[in-house]
N, C-alpha and C. Protein backbone atom coordinates (compact mmCIF):
# COMPACT_ATOMS: atom_id res chain seq x y z
N UNK A 1 114.02 118.53 119.74
CA UNK A 1 113.22 117.84 118.54
C UNK A 1 112.76 116.28 118.82
N UNK A 2 111.53 116.03 118.94
CA UNK A 2 111.13 114.76 119.51
C UNK A 2 111.22 113.45 118.72
N UNK A 3 111.02 112.35 118.58
CA UNK A 3 111.29 111.29 117.89
C UNK A 3 110.28 111.40 117.00
N UNK A 4 109.17 111.59 116.99
CA UNK A 4 108.03 111.96 116.28
C UNK A 4 108.26 112.75 114.91
N UNK A 5 108.91 113.58 115.09
CA UNK A 5 109.28 114.49 114.34
C UNK A 5 110.42 114.36 113.21
N UNK A 6 111.26 113.63 114.06
CA UNK A 6 112.08 113.27 113.26
C UNK A 6 111.74 112.00 112.09
N UNK A 7 111.19 111.18 112.60
CA UNK A 7 110.53 110.14 111.76
C UNK A 7 109.75 110.86 110.62
N UNK A 8 108.77 111.91 110.81
CA UNK A 8 108.02 112.20 109.81
C UNK A 8 109.07 113.03 108.81
N UNK A 9 109.95 113.71 109.16
CA UNK A 9 110.57 114.87 108.37
C UNK A 9 111.43 113.73 107.64
N UNK A 10 111.80 112.49 107.81
CA UNK A 10 112.89 111.71 107.15
C UNK A 10 112.01 110.34 106.51
N UNK A 11 111.10 110.26 106.60
CA UNK A 11 110.19 109.59 105.97
C UNK A 11 109.91 109.61 104.60
N UNK A 12 110.80 108.43 103.69
CA UNK A 12 110.02 108.45 102.32
C UNK A 12 109.39 107.14 102.14
N UNK A 13 107.89 107.50 101.38
CA UNK A 13 106.92 106.63 101.33
C UNK A 13 107.65 105.48 100.26
N UNK A 14 108.22 106.28 98.76
CA UNK A 14 108.40 105.36 97.62
C UNK A 14 109.63 104.50 98.58
N UNK A 15 110.56 105.11 99.18
CA UNK A 15 111.70 103.78 99.79
C UNK A 15 110.63 102.98 100.38
N UNK A 16 110.22 103.18 101.26
CA UNK A 16 109.32 101.78 102.26
C UNK A 16 108.52 100.93 101.20
N UNK A 17 107.78 101.47 100.20
CA UNK A 17 107.09 100.90 99.44
C UNK A 17 108.02 99.91 98.49
N UNK A 18 109.08 100.65 97.77
CA UNK A 18 109.73 99.78 97.28
C UNK A 18 110.67 98.65 98.03
N UNK A 19 111.16 98.93 99.20
CA UNK A 19 111.72 97.88 100.19
C UNK A 19 110.24 96.56 100.16
N UNK A 20 109.26 96.99 100.40
CA UNK A 20 107.87 96.06 100.54
C UNK A 20 108.08 95.36 99.67
N UNK A 21 108.22 95.75 98.44
CA UNK A 21 107.79 95.33 96.96
C UNK A 21 109.24 94.01 96.80
N UNK A 22 110.31 94.87 97.05
CA UNK A 22 111.50 93.79 96.77
C UNK A 22 111.75 92.45 97.78
N UNK A 23 110.87 93.01 98.90
CA UNK A 23 110.96 91.91 100.16
C UNK A 23 109.94 90.86 99.81
N UNK A 24 108.80 91.22 98.95
CA UNK A 24 108.16 90.37 98.76
C UNK A 24 108.30 89.62 97.95
N UNK A 25 109.24 90.08 96.51
CA UNK A 25 109.66 89.24 95.63
C UNK A 25 110.57 88.66 96.29
N UNK A 26 111.54 88.61 97.01
CA UNK A 26 112.55 87.89 97.40
C UNK A 26 111.71 86.58 98.29
N UNK A 27 110.63 87.18 99.04
CA UNK A 27 110.45 85.90 99.57
C UNK A 27 109.70 84.80 98.65
N UNK A 28 109.02 85.37 97.67
CA UNK A 28 108.07 84.52 97.07
C UNK A 28 108.35 84.06 95.52
N UNK A 29 109.52 84.80 94.85
CA UNK A 29 110.08 84.22 93.72
C UNK A 29 111.63 83.86 93.88
N UNK A 30 112.14 83.91 94.81
CA UNK A 30 113.75 83.27 94.52
C UNK A 30 113.61 82.56 96.08
N UNK A 31 113.95 81.24 95.59
CA UNK A 31 114.01 80.26 96.92
C UNK A 31 115.01 79.95 97.38
N UNK A 32 116.13 80.73 96.18
CA UNK A 32 117.69 80.29 96.85
C UNK A 32 118.05 81.08 98.18
N UNK A 33 117.24 82.46 98.22
CA UNK A 33 117.33 83.55 99.45
C UNK A 33 116.80 82.99 100.54
N UNK A 34 117.40 82.85 101.64
CA UNK A 34 116.78 82.32 102.91
C UNK A 34 115.95 83.40 103.68
N UNK A 35 114.90 82.82 104.30
CA UNK A 35 114.36 84.08 105.02
C UNK A 35 114.82 84.94 105.78
N UNK A 36 116.00 84.21 106.66
CA UNK A 36 116.33 84.88 107.64
C UNK A 36 117.42 86.05 106.88
N UNK A 37 117.66 86.04 105.66
CA UNK A 37 118.54 87.10 105.30
C UNK A 37 117.99 88.55 104.31
N UNK A 38 116.69 88.15 104.19
CA UNK A 38 115.62 88.99 103.82
C UNK A 38 115.82 90.43 104.35
N UNK A 39 115.31 90.59 105.94
CA UNK A 39 115.74 91.68 106.74
C UNK A 39 116.96 92.62 106.18
N UNK A 40 118.12 91.90 106.36
CA UNK A 40 118.95 92.56 106.01
C UNK A 40 119.47 93.05 104.45
N UNK A 41 119.04 92.13 103.82
CA UNK A 41 118.96 92.65 102.30
C UNK A 41 117.99 93.85 101.89
N UNK A 42 117.04 94.21 102.95
CA UNK A 42 116.42 95.17 102.81
C UNK A 42 116.52 96.41 103.47
N UNK A 43 117.32 96.14 104.33
CA UNK A 43 118.10 97.16 105.27
C UNK A 43 119.43 97.87 104.04
N UNK A 44 119.95 97.10 103.69
CA UNK A 44 120.84 97.51 102.73
C UNK A 44 120.24 98.05 101.37
N UNK A 45 119.43 97.82 100.87
CA UNK A 45 118.29 98.14 99.80
C UNK A 45 117.80 99.52 100.16
N UNK A 46 117.19 99.55 101.30
CA UNK A 46 116.71 101.12 101.81
C UNK A 46 117.72 102.08 101.90
N UNK A 47 119.01 101.52 102.45
CA UNK A 47 119.91 102.82 102.57
C UNK A 47 120.21 103.40 101.31
N UNK A 48 120.54 102.25 100.50
CA UNK A 48 121.20 102.70 99.08
C UNK A 48 120.00 103.59 98.39
N UNK A 49 118.97 103.29 98.34
CA UNK A 49 117.68 103.84 97.85
C UNK A 49 117.44 105.09 98.23
N UNK A 50 117.21 105.13 99.72
CA UNK A 50 117.29 106.66 100.66
C UNK A 50 118.63 107.55 99.98
N UNK A 51 119.54 107.01 99.75
CA UNK A 51 120.68 107.96 99.45
C UNK A 51 120.63 108.06 97.99
N UNK A 52 119.90 107.35 96.94
CA UNK A 52 119.78 108.06 95.84
C UNK A 52 118.69 109.06 95.90
N UNK A 53 117.46 108.83 96.74
CA UNK A 53 116.67 110.01 96.90
C UNK A 53 117.05 111.25 97.53
N UNK A 54 117.69 111.29 98.65
CA UNK A 54 118.11 112.07 99.38
C UNK A 54 119.61 112.39 99.72
N UNK A 55 120.08 112.13 98.70
CA UNK A 55 121.76 112.40 98.76
C UNK A 55 122.22 111.77 99.83
N UNK A 56 123.48 111.33 99.43
CA UNK A 56 124.75 110.48 100.76
C UNK A 56 124.72 111.04 101.69
N UNK A 57 124.55 111.01 102.69
CA UNK A 57 124.57 111.55 103.90
C UNK A 57 124.45 110.06 104.97
N UNK A 58 124.82 110.73 106.37
CA UNK A 58 124.51 109.52 107.64
C UNK A 58 123.34 109.23 107.91
N UNK A 59 122.98 110.35 107.80
CA UNK A 59 121.09 110.34 107.88
C UNK A 59 120.20 109.77 106.84
N UNK A 60 120.67 109.99 105.87
CA UNK A 60 119.60 109.31 104.65
C UNK A 60 120.13 107.65 104.78
N UNK A 61 121.17 107.38 104.97
CA UNK A 61 121.79 105.83 105.15
C UNK A 61 121.15 105.28 105.98
N UNK A 62 121.25 105.97 107.36
CA UNK A 62 120.54 105.32 108.63
C UNK A 62 118.77 105.29 108.41
N UNK A 63 118.14 106.24 108.26
CA UNK A 63 117.09 106.21 108.10
C UNK A 63 116.25 105.52 106.68
N UNK A 64 117.05 105.26 105.80
CA UNK A 64 117.06 104.23 104.61
C UNK A 64 116.78 103.02 105.11
N UNK A 65 118.07 102.55 105.92
CA UNK A 65 118.15 101.34 106.68
C UNK A 65 116.58 100.97 107.34
N UNK A 66 116.55 102.07 108.00
CA UNK A 66 115.28 101.76 109.32
C UNK A 66 114.32 101.68 108.41
N UNK A 67 113.88 102.10 107.40
CA UNK A 67 112.63 102.30 106.28
C UNK A 67 112.87 100.48 105.64
N UNK A 68 113.94 99.90 105.07
CA UNK A 68 113.95 98.91 104.97
C UNK A 68 113.62 97.92 105.80
N UNK A 69 114.03 98.18 107.00
CA UNK A 69 113.57 97.13 108.46
C UNK A 69 112.11 97.36 108.61
N UNK A 70 111.62 98.46 108.57
CA UNK A 70 110.10 98.66 108.72
C UNK A 70 109.41 98.13 107.89
N UNK A 71 109.69 97.92 106.43
CA UNK A 71 108.81 97.11 105.50
C UNK A 71 108.56 95.76 105.85
N UNK A 72 109.95 95.12 106.66
CA UNK A 72 109.85 93.94 107.18
C UNK A 72 108.57 93.47 107.88
N UNK A 73 108.61 94.81 108.97
CA UNK A 73 107.96 94.70 110.00
C UNK A 73 106.17 94.66 109.17
N UNK A 74 106.16 95.92 108.58
CA UNK A 74 104.85 95.90 108.02
C UNK A 74 104.45 94.61 107.25
N UNK A 75 105.05 94.05 106.63
CA UNK A 75 104.80 92.76 106.00
C UNK A 75 104.39 91.77 106.73
N UNK A 76 104.93 91.86 108.21
CA UNK A 76 104.57 90.89 109.08
C UNK A 76 103.34 91.31 109.76
N UNK A 77 103.13 92.65 109.79
CA UNK A 77 101.88 92.99 110.89
C UNK A 77 100.50 92.66 109.53
N UNK A 78 101.07 92.97 108.36
CA UNK A 78 99.62 92.53 107.45
C UNK A 78 99.31 91.21 107.23
N UNK A 79 100.64 90.45 107.44
CA UNK A 79 100.55 88.89 107.15
C UNK A 79 99.23 88.37 108.61
N UNK A 80 100.11 88.70 109.71
CA UNK A 80 99.21 88.28 110.71
C UNK A 80 97.73 88.94 110.86
N UNK A 81 97.51 89.97 110.43
CA UNK A 81 96.56 90.65 109.99
C UNK A 81 95.02 90.15 109.24
N UNK A 82 95.74 89.50 108.24
CA UNK A 82 94.98 88.73 107.29
C UNK A 82 94.59 87.33 107.80
N UNK A 83 95.96 86.70 108.25
CA UNK A 83 95.51 85.58 108.97
C UNK A 83 94.57 85.30 110.24
N UNK A 84 94.64 86.09 110.72
CA UNK A 84 93.46 86.69 111.88
C UNK A 84 91.96 86.68 111.53
N UNK A 85 92.08 87.34 110.18
CA UNK A 85 90.72 87.57 109.85
C UNK A 85 90.42 86.41 109.26
N UNK A 86 90.88 85.49 108.69
CA UNK A 86 90.17 84.28 107.84
C UNK A 86 89.55 82.91 109.05
């Protein structure tokens, strides 16, 4: 089984979108949370949320944390794309 198959089988769009929204809210509404802690918070949030969606197992926890971190990267990519367009 290759890496792309593993990712597509374990990818949960709802978890990524929820992490993206929580990360945006943390960055723009809660000034007491330093930006350097947002990826770690999203990794934990993604792991917990994916465990709730897919059941508690090592796989769901790891892929949930991965999706939380991926949402951070998606935010940065979108931000860079928007800034270059202006």
